[in-house]
Every structure is written in C-alpha cells, then in structure tokens.
Amino acid sequence: MSKSVILVVEDDEPKQRSIVGMLMEHFQNHFEIKVTESLSGAIEVLTGNEVVFAIVDMSLPTYDFVKDKRGGGTPQGYGGADILRFIDSETEETRTLVLTQYEEFVLSKDGQLRDTRSLEAMLREELDDRFLGVVHYDGQHGAWRKTLLQVLIDLGIERDG
C-alpha cells in the first residue's frame, strides 16, 4: 500500500529545501513528500497520486526547467493560481495552502497590485473550502513553520512522534 502524498510546488531551491526539511521532520513516516517546480509537474503528481495536501507557491513556470539548458517557461506572478484551479476542479480531497515569499502580486487578469490578504480573499471567493489560505514565507526558520504545522495538525494530518 502506498503512502498518501503531501505535494510541494516550489521552484526556488532554498525555499523548497526549507519546506521539505520541515515536512520530513514531522511527517515522513506517514506521508510521501513529493516536490515539483511547475504547473505541468504538479498536474502529473496530482493525477497519479493520492495527494492529501498541496503547498503551492504563486510564482511558478509552466514547465520544469531542464538543468543546464534554457526552457521551462517564465515564472508567472500568478502561476500558482492555475494549480489551485486544477486542484479545485479535478480533485475531491486535496487541501491547499499558498506559501509565498512575495508581499504583493500583479495579477495578469486585471493588472492590479494585490497584497497577500487581498490575494487570499480573491482566492477564497473563487475556490472551494479546501483552499486554506495564504501564508507568508519569511525565511528558513520563520513563523511560517509554526503556522503550516498548525494547519496540518488542525486538519488531523498524522505526524511523526
């Protein structure tokens, strides 16, 4: 029997390592932690696995970058929203949370600048109640760790130890 998956969709390597390290510390015995860096990679993981929780960055490329080659697409300031929409329409159980280091976003739809609170309000209006909010990533050992851990505990996601 395979483990359920916690998915991390993040293309910034230091931030990715920090998130995965925190998840491994608390959840590796109960969940498989999968990482992808793009919209297409996220869709591949979501369609082939039982993903119970997804941590999504907002600024993501369309395709994975090929190491040492050009390509992959340009990160889009609002690219994570496409992943959230896919999860909302194509999965039944996956819960989501945005973890972003940006404090403001320009949305391609309307060109308006939005802070994290207005981004969260807009996403809550568009997505179902499996979207759990926006958390600001404030460095490797920042407050996001405690916030993310509490969200997972509140969901009843079983942790190690």
N, C-alpha and C. Protein backbone atom coordinates (compact mmCIF):
# COMPACT_ATOMS: atom_id res chain seq x y z
N MET A 1 0.85 -1.19 0.00
CA MET A 1 0.00 0.00 0.00
C MET A 1 0.89 1.24 0.00
N SER A 2 0.63 2.15 -0.91
CA SER A 2 1.45 3.35 -0.98
C SER A 2 0.93 4.41 -0.01
N LYS A 3 1.84 5.26 0.40
CA LYS A 3 1.50 6.34 1.32
C LYS A 3 0.77 7.44 0.57
N SER A 4 -0.07 8.16 1.31
CA SER A 4 -0.66 9.38 0.76
C SER A 4 0.45 10.41 0.59
N VAL A 5 0.20 11.40 -0.25
CA VAL A 5 1.23 12.35 -0.64
C VAL A 5 0.93 13.75 -0.11
N ILE A 6 1.98 14.41 0.36
CA ILE A 6 1.98 15.85 0.57
C ILE A 6 2.82 16.41 -0.58
N LEU A 7 2.25 17.31 -1.36
CA LEU A 7 2.90 17.87 -2.53
C LEU A 7 3.41 19.28 -2.25
N VAL A 8 4.64 19.54 -2.63
CA VAL A 8 5.23 20.87 -2.54
C VAL A 8 5.48 21.34 -3.97
N VAL A 9 4.86 22.46 -4.34
CA VAL A 9 5.06 23.02 -5.68
C VAL A 9 5.83 24.33 -5.49
N GLU A 10 7.14 24.25 -5.70
CA GLU A 10 8.03 25.37 -5.41
C GLU A 10 9.26 25.29 -6.31
N ASP A 11 9.60 26.39 -7.01
CA ASP A 11 10.74 26.37 -7.92
C ASP A 11 11.99 27.05 -7.35
N ASP A 12 11.90 27.68 -6.20
CA ASP A 12 13.04 28.31 -5.56
C ASP A 12 13.73 27.28 -4.66
N GLU A 13 14.96 26.87 -5.03
CA GLU A 13 15.60 25.75 -4.34
C GLU A 13 15.81 25.95 -2.84
N PRO A 14 16.31 27.09 -2.38
CA PRO A 14 16.48 27.25 -0.92
C PRO A 14 15.14 27.17 -0.17
N LYS A 15 14.12 27.80 -0.71
CA LYS A 15 12.78 27.75 -0.08
C LYS A 15 12.24 26.32 -0.13
N GLN A 16 12.42 25.66 -1.25
CA GLN A 16 11.98 24.27 -1.41
C GLN A 16 12.64 23.37 -0.36
N ARG A 17 13.96 23.49 -0.20
CA ARG A 17 14.68 22.68 0.80
C ARG A 17 14.16 22.95 2.21
N SER A 18 13.87 24.19 2.51
CA SER A 18 13.37 24.56 3.83
C SER A 18 11.99 23.93 4.10
N ILE A 19 11.11 24.00 3.13
CA ILE A 19 9.76 23.43 3.28
C ILE A 19 9.85 21.91 3.41
N VAL A 20 10.59 21.28 2.52
CA VAL A 20 10.71 19.82 2.54
C VAL A 20 11.36 19.37 3.84
N GLY A 21 12.37 20.08 4.30
CA GLY A 21 13.02 19.73 5.57
C GLY A 21 12.05 19.75 6.73
N MET A 22 11.22 20.78 6.79
CA MET A 22 10.21 20.88 7.85
C MET A 22 9.21 19.73 7.76
N LEU A 23 8.76 19.41 6.54
CA LEU A 23 7.80 18.32 6.37
C LEU A 23 8.41 16.97 6.72
N MET A 24 9.65 16.75 6.32
CA MET A 24 10.34 15.49 6.64
C MET A 24 10.49 15.33 8.14
N GLU A 25 10.77 16.40 8.81
CA GLU A 25 10.94 16.37 10.26
C GLU A 25 9.68 15.89 10.97
N HIS A 26 8.52 16.25 10.46
CA HIS A 26 7.26 15.98 11.16
C HIS A 26 6.37 14.91 10.52
N PHE A 27 6.55 14.61 9.21
CA PHE A 27 5.56 13.78 8.53
C PHE A 27 6.11 12.64 7.68
N GLN A 28 7.41 12.45 7.60
CA GLN A 28 7.97 11.49 6.64
C GLN A 28 7.56 10.05 6.91
N ASN A 29 7.24 9.69 8.13
CA ASN A 29 6.84 8.31 8.41
C ASN A 29 5.40 8.01 7.99
N HIS A 30 4.60 9.04 7.78
CA HIS A 30 3.19 8.84 7.44
C HIS A 30 2.83 9.23 6.02
N PHE A 31 3.67 10.05 5.38
CA PHE A 31 3.35 10.56 4.05
C PHE A 31 4.57 10.53 3.16
N GLU A 32 4.33 10.37 1.87
CA GLU A 32 5.38 10.56 0.89
C GLU A 32 5.36 12.05 0.54
N ILE A 33 6.50 12.67 0.55
CA ILE A 33 6.59 14.09 0.23
C ILE A 33 7.16 14.21 -1.17
N LYS A 34 6.34 14.74 -2.08
CA LYS A 34 6.76 14.89 -3.48
C LYS A 34 6.93 16.38 -3.76
N VAL A 35 7.91 16.67 -4.61
CA VAL A 35 8.23 18.05 -4.96
C VAL A 35 8.20 18.20 -6.47
N THR A 36 7.63 19.29 -6.91
CA THR A 36 7.66 19.66 -8.32
C THR A 36 7.87 21.15 -8.42
N GLU A 37 8.30 21.60 -9.59
CA GLU A 37 8.67 23.00 -9.74
C GLU A 37 7.82 23.76 -10.75
N SER A 38 6.73 23.14 -11.24
CA SER A 38 5.98 23.79 -12.31
C SER A 38 4.53 23.33 -12.33
N LEU A 39 3.74 24.03 -13.13
CA LEU A 39 2.34 23.66 -13.34
C LEU A 39 2.23 22.25 -13.92
N SER A 40 2.98 21.95 -14.97
CA SER A 40 2.88 20.63 -15.59
C SER A 40 3.33 19.53 -14.63
N GLY A 41 4.38 19.78 -13.86
CA GLY A 41 4.84 18.80 -12.87
C GLY A 41 3.80 18.55 -11.80
N ALA A 42 3.14 19.61 -11.36
CA ALA A 42 2.10 19.47 -10.33
C ALA A 42 0.93 18.64 -10.86
N ILE A 43 0.51 18.91 -12.09
CA ILE A 43 -0.60 18.15 -12.67
C ILE A 43 -0.24 16.67 -12.78
N GLU A 44 0.99 16.38 -13.14
CA GLU A 44 1.44 14.99 -13.25
C GLU A 44 1.36 14.29 -11.88
N VAL A 45 1.82 14.94 -10.83
CA VAL A 45 1.77 14.34 -9.50
C VAL A 45 0.32 14.20 -9.04
N LEU A 46 -0.49 15.23 -9.26
CA LEU A 46 -1.88 15.22 -8.80
C LEU A 46 -2.72 14.15 -9.50
N THR A 47 -2.43 13.86 -10.76
CA THR A 47 -3.22 12.87 -11.48
C THR A 47 -2.76 11.44 -11.23
N GLY A 48 -1.56 11.27 -10.69
CA GLY A 48 -1.04 9.92 -10.48
C GLY A 48 -0.91 9.49 -9.03
N ASN A 49 -1.38 10.31 -8.08
CA ASN A 49 -1.19 10.03 -6.67
C ASN A 49 -2.38 10.49 -5.85
N GLU A 50 -2.48 9.96 -4.65
CA GLU A 50 -3.48 10.43 -3.69
C GLU A 50 -2.83 11.56 -2.89
N VAL A 51 -3.02 12.79 -3.37
CA VAL A 51 -2.43 13.96 -2.72
C VAL A 51 -3.44 14.51 -1.71
N VAL A 52 -3.06 14.47 -0.44
CA VAL A 52 -3.96 14.94 0.61
C VAL A 52 -3.78 16.42 0.89
N PHE A 53 -2.57 16.93 0.61
CA PHE A 53 -2.29 18.33 0.91
C PHE A 53 -1.26 18.85 -0.08
N ALA A 54 -1.48 20.07 -0.59
CA ALA A 54 -0.54 20.68 -1.52
C ALA A 54 -0.17 22.07 -1.03
N ILE A 55 1.13 22.31 -0.97
CA ILE A 55 1.67 23.62 -0.63
C ILE A 55 2.14 24.22 -1.95
N VAL A 56 1.55 25.35 -2.32
CA VAL A 56 1.75 25.91 -3.66
C VAL A 56 2.32 27.32 -3.57
N ASP A 57 3.39 27.56 -4.33
CA ASP A 57 3.92 28.91 -4.49
C ASP A 57 3.08 29.62 -5.56
N MET A 58 3.08 30.93 -5.55
CA MET A 58 2.29 31.65 -6.55
C MET A 58 3.07 31.92 -7.84
N SER A 59 4.37 32.14 -7.75
CA SER A 59 5.17 32.48 -8.93
C SER A 59 5.87 31.22 -9.44
N LEU A 60 5.30 30.62 -10.48
CA LEU A 60 5.79 29.33 -10.97
C LEU A 60 5.84 29.30 -12.50
N PRO A 61 6.80 28.55 -13.06
CA PRO A 61 6.81 28.36 -14.52
C PRO A 61 5.77 27.32 -14.94
N THR A 62 5.51 27.31 -16.23
CA THR A 62 4.56 26.35 -16.78
C THR A 62 5.14 24.95 -16.82
N TYR A 63 6.41 24.84 -17.22
CA TYR A 63 7.08 23.54 -17.34
C TYR A 63 8.32 23.53 -16.47
N ASP A 64 8.80 22.35 -16.12
CA ASP A 64 10.03 22.22 -15.36
C ASP A 64 11.21 22.72 -16.19
N PHE A 65 12.12 23.40 -15.52
CA PHE A 65 13.34 23.82 -16.18
C PHE A 65 14.25 22.62 -16.36
N VAL A 66 14.86 22.53 -17.51
CA VAL A 66 15.83 21.47 -17.77
C VAL A 66 17.17 21.98 -17.24
N LYS A 67 17.79 21.22 -16.38
CA LYS A 67 19.06 21.63 -15.79
C LYS A 67 20.09 21.88 -16.89
N ASP A 68 20.78 22.99 -16.79
CA ASP A 68 21.85 23.38 -17.72
C ASP A 68 21.35 23.68 -19.13
N LYS A 69 20.06 23.88 -19.30
CA LYS A 69 19.52 24.25 -20.61
C LYS A 69 18.47 25.33 -20.40
N ARG A 70 18.23 26.07 -21.44
CA ARG A 70 17.17 27.08 -21.37
C ARG A 70 15.83 26.39 -21.59
N GLY A 71 14.81 26.95 -21.02
CA GLY A 71 13.48 26.40 -21.24
C GLY A 71 12.71 26.32 -19.95
N GLY A 72 11.51 25.84 -20.04
CA GLY A 72 10.69 25.68 -18.85
C GLY A 72 9.60 26.72 -18.73
N GLY A 73 9.78 27.80 -19.43
CA GLY A 73 8.78 28.85 -19.33
C GLY A 73 9.21 29.89 -18.31
N THR A 74 8.60 31.02 -18.39
CA THR A 74 8.91 32.11 -17.48
C THR A 74 7.99 32.01 -16.27
N PRO A 75 8.55 32.17 -15.06
CA PRO A 75 7.67 32.17 -13.89
C PRO A 75 6.62 33.26 -14.02
N GLN A 76 5.40 32.90 -13.74
CA GLN A 76 4.30 33.84 -13.79
C GLN A 76 3.94 34.27 -12.37
N GLY A 77 3.74 35.56 -12.16
CA GLY A 77 3.45 36.08 -10.83
C GLY A 77 2.22 35.45 -10.19
N TYR A 78 1.36 34.91 -11.01
CA TYR A 78 0.11 34.34 -10.51
C TYR A 78 -0.04 32.90 -10.99
N GLY A 79 1.07 32.24 -11.36
CA GLY A 79 1.04 30.88 -11.91
C GLY A 79 0.49 29.84 -10.97
N GLY A 80 0.68 30.01 -9.66
CA GLY A 80 0.16 29.05 -8.69
C GLY A 80 -1.35 28.97 -8.70
N ALA A 81 -2.00 30.04 -9.12
CA ALA A 81 -3.47 30.03 -9.18
C ALA A 81 -3.97 28.98 -10.15
N ASP A 82 -3.23 28.75 -11.24
CA ASP A 82 -3.65 27.72 -12.19
C ASP A 82 -3.61 26.34 -11.55
N ILE A 83 -2.62 26.09 -10.70
CA ILE A 83 -2.56 24.82 -9.98
C ILE A 83 -3.72 24.71 -9.01
N LEU A 84 -4.00 25.79 -8.29
CA LEU A 84 -5.13 25.78 -7.34
C LEU A 84 -6.44 25.53 -8.07
N ARG A 85 -6.61 26.11 -9.24
CA ARG A 85 -7.83 25.89 -10.01
C ARG A 85 -7.93 24.44 -10.48
N PHE A 86 -6.82 23.87 -10.90
CA PHE A 86 -6.80 22.46 -11.30
C PHE A 86 -7.21 21.58 -10.12
N ILE A 87 -6.63 21.82 -8.97
CA ILE A 87 -6.96 21.03 -7.78
C ILE A 87 -8.43 21.19 -7.44
N ASP A 88 -8.92 22.42 -7.52
CA ASP A 88 -10.32 22.70 -7.19
C ASP A 88 -11.28 21.96 -8.11
N SER A 89 -10.94 21.88 -9.40
CA SER A 89 -11.87 21.26 -10.35
C SER A 89 -11.64 19.78 -10.58
N GLU A 90 -10.42 19.29 -10.36
CA GLU A 90 -10.09 17.93 -10.76
C GLU A 90 -9.82 16.96 -9.60
N THR A 91 -9.79 17.43 -8.38
CA THR A 91 -9.59 16.54 -7.24
C THR A 91 -10.75 16.70 -6.27
N GLU A 92 -10.94 15.70 -5.44
CA GLU A 92 -12.05 15.78 -4.48
C GLU A 92 -11.60 16.02 -3.05
N GLU A 93 -10.39 15.60 -2.72
CA GLU A 93 -9.95 15.62 -1.32
C GLU A 93 -8.77 16.55 -1.04
N THR A 94 -8.02 16.93 -2.04
CA THR A 94 -6.77 17.67 -1.82
C THR A 94 -7.03 19.04 -1.20
N ARG A 95 -6.40 19.27 -0.06
CA ARG A 95 -6.44 20.59 0.60
C ARG A 95 -5.23 21.38 0.11
N THR A 96 -5.36 22.71 0.07
CA THR A 96 -4.27 23.53 -0.45
C THR A 96 -3.98 24.72 0.45
N LEU A 97 -2.74 25.17 0.34
CA LEU A 97 -2.30 26.37 1.04
C LEU A 97 -1.24 27.03 0.16
N VAL A 98 -1.30 28.34 0.04
CA VAL A 98 -0.27 29.08 -0.68
C VAL A 98 0.79 29.50 0.32
N LEU A 99 2.05 29.24 -0.02
CA LEU A 99 3.19 29.68 0.79
C LEU A 99 4.08 30.52 -0.11
N THR A 100 4.09 31.83 0.11
CA THR A 100 4.78 32.74 -0.79
C THR A 100 5.69 33.68 -0.03
N GLN A 101 6.81 34.02 -0.66
CA GLN A 101 7.70 34.99 -0.05
C GLN A 101 7.42 36.41 -0.52
N TYR A 102 6.56 36.54 -1.53
CA TYR A 102 6.20 37.88 -2.02
C TYR A 102 5.12 38.49 -1.14
N GLU A 103 5.17 39.81 -1.04
CA GLU A 103 4.15 40.51 -0.26
C GLU A 103 3.11 41.16 -1.14
N GLU A 104 3.43 41.30 -2.44
CA GLU A 104 2.49 41.89 -3.39
C GLU A 104 2.54 41.13 -4.70
N PHE A 105 1.41 41.13 -5.41
CA PHE A 105 1.29 40.41 -6.67
C PHE A 105 0.60 41.28 -7.69
N VAL A 106 1.06 41.18 -8.94
CA VAL A 106 0.34 41.79 -10.06
C VAL A 106 -0.34 40.64 -10.77
N LEU A 107 -1.65 40.72 -10.85
CA LEU A 107 -2.41 39.65 -11.49
C LEU A 107 -2.53 39.91 -12.98
N SER A 108 -2.30 38.87 -13.75
CA SER A 108 -2.34 39.04 -15.20
C SER A 108 -3.74 39.39 -15.69
N LYS A 109 -4.75 38.97 -14.94
CA LYS A 109 -6.12 39.22 -15.38
C LYS A 109 -6.44 40.72 -15.43
N ASP A 110 -6.10 41.44 -14.36
CA ASP A 110 -6.53 42.83 -14.28
C ASP A 110 -5.38 43.81 -14.09
N GLY A 111 -4.16 43.33 -13.94
CA GLY A 111 -3.01 44.22 -13.79
C GLY A 111 -2.94 44.95 -12.46
N GLN A 112 -3.85 44.66 -11.55
CA GLN A 112 -3.86 45.34 -10.26
C GLN A 112 -2.86 44.71 -9.29
N LEU A 113 -2.27 45.55 -8.46
CA LEU A 113 -1.36 45.10 -7.42
C LEU A 113 -2.18 44.66 -6.21
N ARG A 114 -1.89 43.46 -5.71
CA ARG A 114 -2.62 42.94 -4.55
C ARG A 114 -1.64 42.49 -3.48
N ASP A 115 -2.00 42.75 -2.22
CA ASP A 115 -1.19 42.22 -1.13
C ASP A 115 -1.68 40.82 -0.79
N THR A 116 -1.02 40.15 0.15
CA THR A 116 -1.38 38.76 0.43
C THR A 116 -2.80 38.62 0.97
N ARG A 117 -3.26 39.60 1.74
CA ARG A 117 -4.64 39.49 2.27
C ARG A 117 -5.68 39.59 1.15
N SER A 118 -5.48 40.53 0.23
CA SER A 118 -6.47 40.64 -0.85
C SER A 118 -6.36 39.47 -1.82
N LEU A 119 -5.13 38.93 -2.00
CA LEU A 119 -4.97 37.72 -2.80
C LEU A 119 -5.74 36.57 -2.17
N GLU A 120 -5.58 36.40 -0.85
CA GLU A 120 -6.29 35.33 -0.16
C GLU A 120 -7.80 35.49 -0.29
N ALA A 121 -8.30 36.70 -0.12
CA ALA A 121 -9.74 36.95 -0.23
C ALA A 121 -10.24 36.60 -1.63
N MET A 122 -9.48 36.98 -2.65
CA MET A 122 -9.87 36.68 -4.02
C MET A 122 -9.90 35.17 -4.27
N LEU A 123 -8.86 34.46 -3.78
CA LEU A 123 -8.82 33.01 -3.97
C LEU A 123 -9.92 32.31 -3.19
N ARG A 124 -10.22 32.77 -2.00
CA ARG A 124 -11.32 32.17 -1.21
C ARG A 124 -12.66 32.32 -1.93
N GLU A 125 -12.82 33.44 -2.61
CA GLU A 125 -14.06 33.68 -3.36
C GLU A 125 -14.17 32.74 -4.56
N GLU A 126 -13.04 32.45 -5.19
CA GLU A 126 -13.02 31.64 -6.40
C GLU A 126 -13.01 30.13 -6.12
N LEU A 127 -12.29 29.70 -5.07
CA LEU A 127 -12.06 28.28 -4.81
C LEU A 127 -12.99 27.77 -3.71
N ASP A 128 -13.07 26.44 -3.60
CA ASP A 128 -13.92 25.88 -2.54
C ASP A 128 -13.19 25.89 -1.20
N ASP A 129 -13.82 25.32 -0.19
CA ASP A 129 -13.29 25.41 1.18
C ASP A 129 -12.07 24.53 1.43
N ARG A 130 -11.60 23.81 0.41
CA ARG A 130 -10.34 23.07 0.56
C ARG A 130 -9.13 23.99 0.45
N PHE A 131 -9.32 25.20 -0.05
CA PHE A 131 -8.26 26.21 -0.04
C PHE A 131 -8.21 26.82 1.35
N LEU A 132 -7.05 26.72 2.01
CA LEU A 132 -6.95 27.08 3.42
C LEU A 132 -6.27 28.41 3.69
N GLY A 133 -5.81 29.10 2.64
CA GLY A 133 -5.28 30.43 2.87
C GLY A 133 -3.89 30.66 2.29
N VAL A 134 -3.37 31.85 2.59
CA VAL A 134 -2.06 32.29 2.12
C VAL A 134 -1.19 32.54 3.34
N VAL A 135 0.00 31.96 3.34
CA VAL A 135 0.97 32.15 4.42
C VAL A 135 2.21 32.79 3.83
N HIS A 136 2.74 33.78 4.53
CA HIS A 136 3.95 34.46 4.07
C HIS A 136 5.19 33.69 4.52
N TYR A 137 6.03 33.32 3.57
CA TYR A 137 7.30 32.65 3.85
C TYR A 137 8.31 33.73 4.22
N ASP A 138 8.82 33.66 5.44
CA ASP A 138 9.70 34.72 5.95
C ASP A 138 11.07 34.18 6.35
N GLY A 139 11.61 33.30 5.53
CA GLY A 139 12.95 32.78 5.78
C GLY A 139 12.93 31.36 6.31
N GLN A 140 14.07 30.72 6.24
CA GLN A 140 14.19 29.30 6.57
C GLN A 140 13.60 28.94 7.93
N HIS A 141 13.80 29.77 8.94
CA HIS A 141 13.33 29.44 10.29
C HIS A 141 12.21 30.37 10.74
N GLY A 142 11.47 30.93 9.79
CA GLY A 142 10.45 31.92 10.09
C GLY A 142 9.18 31.36 10.70
N ALA A 143 8.27 32.27 10.98
CA ALA A 143 6.98 31.93 11.62
C ALA A 143 6.11 31.04 10.75
N TRP A 144 6.36 31.00 9.45
CA TRP A 144 5.57 30.15 8.54
C TRP A 144 5.59 28.70 8.99
N ARG A 145 6.72 28.25 9.57
CA ARG A 145 6.86 26.85 10.00
C ARG A 145 5.78 26.50 11.02
N LYS A 146 5.64 27.32 12.02
CA LYS A 146 4.64 27.09 13.07
C LYS A 146 3.22 27.16 12.49
N THR A 147 2.99 28.12 11.62
CA THR A 147 1.67 28.28 11.00
C THR A 147 1.32 27.06 10.16
N LEU A 148 2.24 26.63 9.31
CA LEU A 148 2.00 25.46 8.46
C LEU A 148 1.78 24.20 9.29
N LEU A 149 2.61 23.99 10.29
CA LEU A 149 2.46 22.82 11.16
C LEU A 149 1.09 22.84 11.83
N GLN A 150 0.65 23.99 12.31
CA GLN A 150 -0.65 24.08 12.97
C GLN A 150 -1.80 23.79 12.00
N VAL A 151 -1.69 24.26 10.76
CA VAL A 151 -2.71 23.97 9.75
C VAL A 151 -2.82 22.46 9.55
N LEU A 152 -1.69 21.79 9.41
CA LEU A 152 -1.69 20.34 9.19
C LEU A 152 -2.23 19.59 10.41
N ILE A 153 -1.87 20.02 11.59
CA ILE A 153 -2.40 19.40 12.81
C ILE A 153 -3.91 19.61 12.89
N ASP A 154 -4.37 20.82 12.61
CA ASP A 154 -5.81 21.12 12.65
C ASP A 154 -6.59 20.27 11.64
N LEU A 155 -5.96 19.90 10.53
CA LEU A 155 -6.60 19.04 9.54
C LEU A 155 -6.64 17.57 9.98
N GLY A 156 -5.92 17.27 11.05
CA GLY A 156 -5.86 15.89 11.51
C GLY A 156 -4.84 15.07 10.76
N ILE A 157 -3.91 15.72 10.09
CA ILE A 157 -2.87 15.01 9.36
C ILE A 157 -1.89 14.44 10.39
N GLU A 158 -1.75 13.12 10.36
CA GLU A 158 -0.95 12.43 11.36
C GLU A 158 0.52 12.75 11.19
N ARG A 159 1.17 13.08 12.31
CA ARG A 159 2.58 13.42 12.24
C ARG A 159 3.42 12.42 13.01
N ASP A 160 4.70 12.46 12.76
CA ASP A 160 5.64 11.55 13.41
C ASP A 160 5.81 11.93 14.89
N GLY A 161 6.07 10.89 15.69
CA GLY A 161 6.37 11.08 17.10
C GLY A 161 5.27 11.62 17.85
